[in-house]
Amino acid sequence: MTLLRASVRLEKRKSVRRGSEAEWLIGLSVGTVSTWRTSSRIQLAAKLSSRLSANSGTTHRHR
């Protein structure tokens, strides 16, 4: 995943050198949005899983 991103970044740098800055900016903004979405999803999943584990822990203690 990170390797793929690094290669994409390299490609974007090359395109900037060619002079297609607008294209690079669009790609950068889209990439930022997608990464932000995935990170927020991961955080949400982590919160839910921690809540579930905490709930199961309390129920086990009561039993």
N, C-alpha and C. Protein backbone atom coordinates (compact mmCIF):
# COMPACT_ATOMS: atom_id res chain seq x y z
N MET A 1 0.84 -1.20 0.00
CA MET A 1 0.00 0.00 0.00
C MET A 1 0.88 1.26 0.00
N THR A 2 1.81 1.34 0.94
CA THR A 2 2.67 2.52 1.02
C THR A 2 3.61 2.56 -0.18
N LEU A 3 4.05 1.40 -0.64
CA LEU A 3 4.94 1.32 -1.80
C LEU A 3 4.24 1.87 -3.04
N LEU A 4 2.97 1.48 -3.19
CA LEU A 4 2.16 1.95 -4.32
C LEU A 4 2.02 3.46 -4.26
N ARG A 5 1.77 3.98 -3.08
CA ARG A 5 1.60 5.43 -2.91
C ARG A 5 2.87 6.17 -3.27
N ALA A 6 4.01 5.61 -2.87
CA ALA A 6 5.31 6.23 -3.16
C ALA A 6 5.53 6.32 -4.66
N SER A 7 5.21 5.24 -5.38
CA SER A 7 5.37 5.22 -6.83
C SER A 7 4.43 6.23 -7.49
N VAL A 8 3.21 6.34 -6.95
CA VAL A 8 2.24 7.31 -7.48
C VAL A 8 2.77 8.72 -7.27
N ARG A 9 3.36 8.96 -6.11
CA ARG A 9 3.93 10.28 -5.81
C ARG A 9 5.05 10.60 -6.78
N LEU A 10 5.89 9.61 -7.07
CA LEU A 10 6.99 9.80 -8.03
C LEU A 10 6.44 10.17 -9.40
N GLU A 11 5.39 9.47 -9.81
CA GLU A 11 4.76 9.75 -11.10
C GLU A 11 4.21 11.17 -11.13
N LYS A 12 3.61 11.59 -10.02
CA LYS A 12 3.04 12.93 -9.94
C LYS A 12 4.14 13.98 -10.03
N ARG A 13 5.28 13.72 -9.40
CA ARG A 13 6.41 14.64 -9.45
C ARG A 13 6.89 14.80 -10.89
N LYS A 14 6.95 13.68 -11.60
CA LYS A 14 7.36 13.69 -13.02
C LYS A 14 6.40 14.55 -13.84
N SER A 15 5.11 14.36 -13.58
CA SER A 15 4.10 15.12 -14.34
C SER A 15 4.22 16.60 -14.04
N VAL A 16 4.60 16.94 -12.81
CA VAL A 16 4.78 18.36 -12.45
C VAL A 16 5.94 18.94 -13.25
N ARG A 17 7.01 18.16 -13.39
CA ARG A 17 8.17 18.60 -14.17
C ARG A 17 7.78 18.84 -15.62
N ARG A 18 6.85 18.02 -16.10
CA ARG A 18 6.38 18.17 -17.49
C ARG A 18 5.57 19.45 -17.66
N GLY A 19 4.96 19.90 -16.56
CA GLY A 19 4.22 21.16 -16.63
C GLY A 19 2.72 21.00 -16.44
N SER A 20 2.26 19.79 -16.08
CA SER A 20 0.82 19.59 -15.87
C SER A 20 0.53 19.73 -14.37
N GLU A 21 0.70 20.96 -13.87
CA GLU A 21 0.53 21.21 -12.44
C GLU A 21 -0.92 21.07 -11.99
N ALA A 22 -1.86 21.51 -12.83
CA ALA A 22 -3.28 21.43 -12.49
C ALA A 22 -3.68 19.97 -12.25
N GLU A 23 -3.22 19.09 -13.13
CA GLU A 23 -3.51 17.66 -13.03
C GLU A 23 -2.98 17.11 -11.71
N TRP A 24 -1.76 17.51 -11.37
CA TRP A 24 -1.12 17.04 -10.15
C TRP A 24 -1.88 17.52 -8.92
N LEU A 25 -2.31 18.79 -8.95
CA LEU A 25 -3.05 19.36 -7.82
C LEU A 25 -4.37 18.62 -7.61
N ILE A 26 -5.05 18.31 -8.71
CA ILE A 26 -6.33 17.57 -8.64
C ILE A 26 -6.07 16.20 -8.02
N GLY A 27 -5.04 15.53 -8.51
CA GLY A 27 -4.69 14.21 -8.00
C GLY A 27 -4.34 14.25 -6.53
N LEU A 28 -3.61 15.29 -6.14
CA LEU A 28 -3.20 15.45 -4.74
C LEU A 28 -4.41 15.64 -3.84
N SER A 29 -5.32 16.54 -4.26
CA SER A 29 -6.52 16.82 -3.45
C SER A 29 -7.39 15.57 -3.33
N VAL A 30 -7.56 14.86 -4.44
CA VAL A 30 -8.37 13.63 -4.44
C VAL A 30 -7.73 12.59 -3.53
N GLY A 31 -6.41 12.46 -3.62
CA GLY A 31 -5.68 11.50 -2.79
C GLY A 31 -5.82 11.84 -1.31
N THR A 32 -5.72 13.14 -0.99
CA THR A 32 -5.84 13.58 0.40
C THR A 32 -7.23 13.25 0.94
N VAL A 33 -8.25 13.52 0.14
CA VAL A 33 -9.63 13.26 0.56
C VAL A 33 -9.83 11.77 0.80
N SER A 34 -9.34 10.94 -0.13
CA SER A 34 -9.52 9.49 -0.01
C SER A 34 -8.78 8.95 1.21
N THR A 35 -7.56 9.44 1.46
CA THR A 35 -6.80 8.98 2.62
C THR A 35 -7.48 9.43 3.91
N TRP A 36 -8.04 10.66 3.91
CA TRP A 36 -8.73 11.18 5.09
C TRP A 36 -9.96 10.32 5.37
N ARG A 37 -10.67 9.96 4.31
CA ARG A 37 -11.87 9.12 4.46
C ARG A 37 -11.51 7.77 5.04
N THR A 38 -10.47 7.14 4.50
CA THR A 38 -10.08 5.81 4.98
C THR A 38 -9.60 5.89 6.42
N SER A 39 -8.83 6.93 6.76
CA SER A 39 -8.32 7.06 8.13
C SER A 39 -9.47 7.26 9.12
N SER A 40 -10.46 8.08 8.72
CA SER A 40 -11.62 8.31 9.59
C SER A 40 -12.41 7.02 9.76
N ARG A 41 -12.50 6.24 8.68
CA ARG A 41 -13.20 4.94 8.74
C ARG A 41 -12.48 4.01 9.69
N ILE A 42 -11.15 3.99 9.61
CA ILE A 42 -10.34 3.13 10.48
C ILE A 42 -10.54 3.55 11.94
N GLN A 43 -10.53 4.88 12.18
CA GLN A 43 -10.74 5.39 13.54
C GLN A 43 -12.11 4.99 14.06
N LEU A 44 -13.12 5.10 13.20
CA LEU A 44 -14.49 4.73 13.57
C LEU A 44 -14.55 3.25 13.92
N ALA A 45 -13.93 2.41 13.09
CA ALA A 45 -13.92 0.97 13.33
C ALA A 45 -13.21 0.66 14.65
N ALA A 46 -12.11 1.36 14.90
CA ALA A 46 -11.35 1.16 16.14
C ALA A 46 -12.21 1.52 17.36
N LYS A 47 -12.93 2.63 17.25
CA LYS A 47 -13.80 3.07 18.34
C LYS A 47 -14.88 2.03 18.61
N LEU A 48 -15.50 1.54 17.53
CA LEU A 48 -16.57 0.54 17.66
C LEU A 48 -16.03 -0.74 18.28
N SER A 49 -14.87 -1.20 17.79
CA SER A 49 -14.28 -2.45 18.29
C SER A 49 -13.90 -2.31 19.76
N SER A 50 -13.34 -1.14 20.14
CA SER A 50 -12.95 -0.92 21.54
C SER A 50 -14.19 -0.91 22.43
N ARG A 51 -15.26 -0.29 21.93
CA ARG A 51 -16.52 -0.25 22.67
C ARG A 51 -17.07 -1.66 22.87
N LEU A 52 -17.04 -2.45 21.78
CA LEU A 52 -17.55 -3.82 21.83
C LEU A 52 -16.73 -4.65 22.82
N SER A 53 -15.41 -4.52 22.75
CA SER A 53 -14.54 -5.29 23.65
C SER A 53 -14.77 -4.87 25.10
N ALA A 54 -14.96 -3.56 25.32
CA ALA A 54 -15.22 -3.05 26.68
C ALA A 54 -16.55 -3.60 27.19
N ASN A 55 -17.56 -3.60 26.33
CA ASN A 55 -18.88 -4.10 26.71
C ASN A 55 -18.81 -5.59 27.05
N SER A 56 -18.13 -6.36 26.21
CA SER A 56 -18.02 -7.80 26.44
C SER A 56 -17.25 -8.06 27.73
N GLY A 57 -16.23 -7.23 27.99
CA GLY A 57 -15.44 -7.37 29.21
C GLY A 57 -16.29 -7.15 30.45
N THR A 58 -17.14 -6.13 30.42
CA THR A 58 -18.00 -5.81 31.58
C THR A 58 -19.02 -6.92 31.79
N THR A 59 -19.59 -7.44 30.70
CA THR A 59 -20.59 -8.50 30.82
C THR A 59 -19.95 -9.76 31.40
N HIS A 60 -18.72 -10.05 30.97
CA HIS A 60 -18.02 -11.23 31.48
C HIS A 60 -17.74 -11.07 32.98
N ARG A 61 -17.38 -9.87 33.37
CA ARG A 61 -17.08 -9.61 34.79
C ARG A 61 -18.32 -9.80 35.65
N HIS A 62 -19.45 -9.32 35.14
CA HIS A 62 -20.70 -9.45 35.90
C HIS A 62 -21.10 -10.92 36.04
N ARG A 63 -20.85 -11.71 34.99
CA ARG A 63 -21.17 -13.14 35.04
C ARG A 63 -20.15 -13.84 35.94
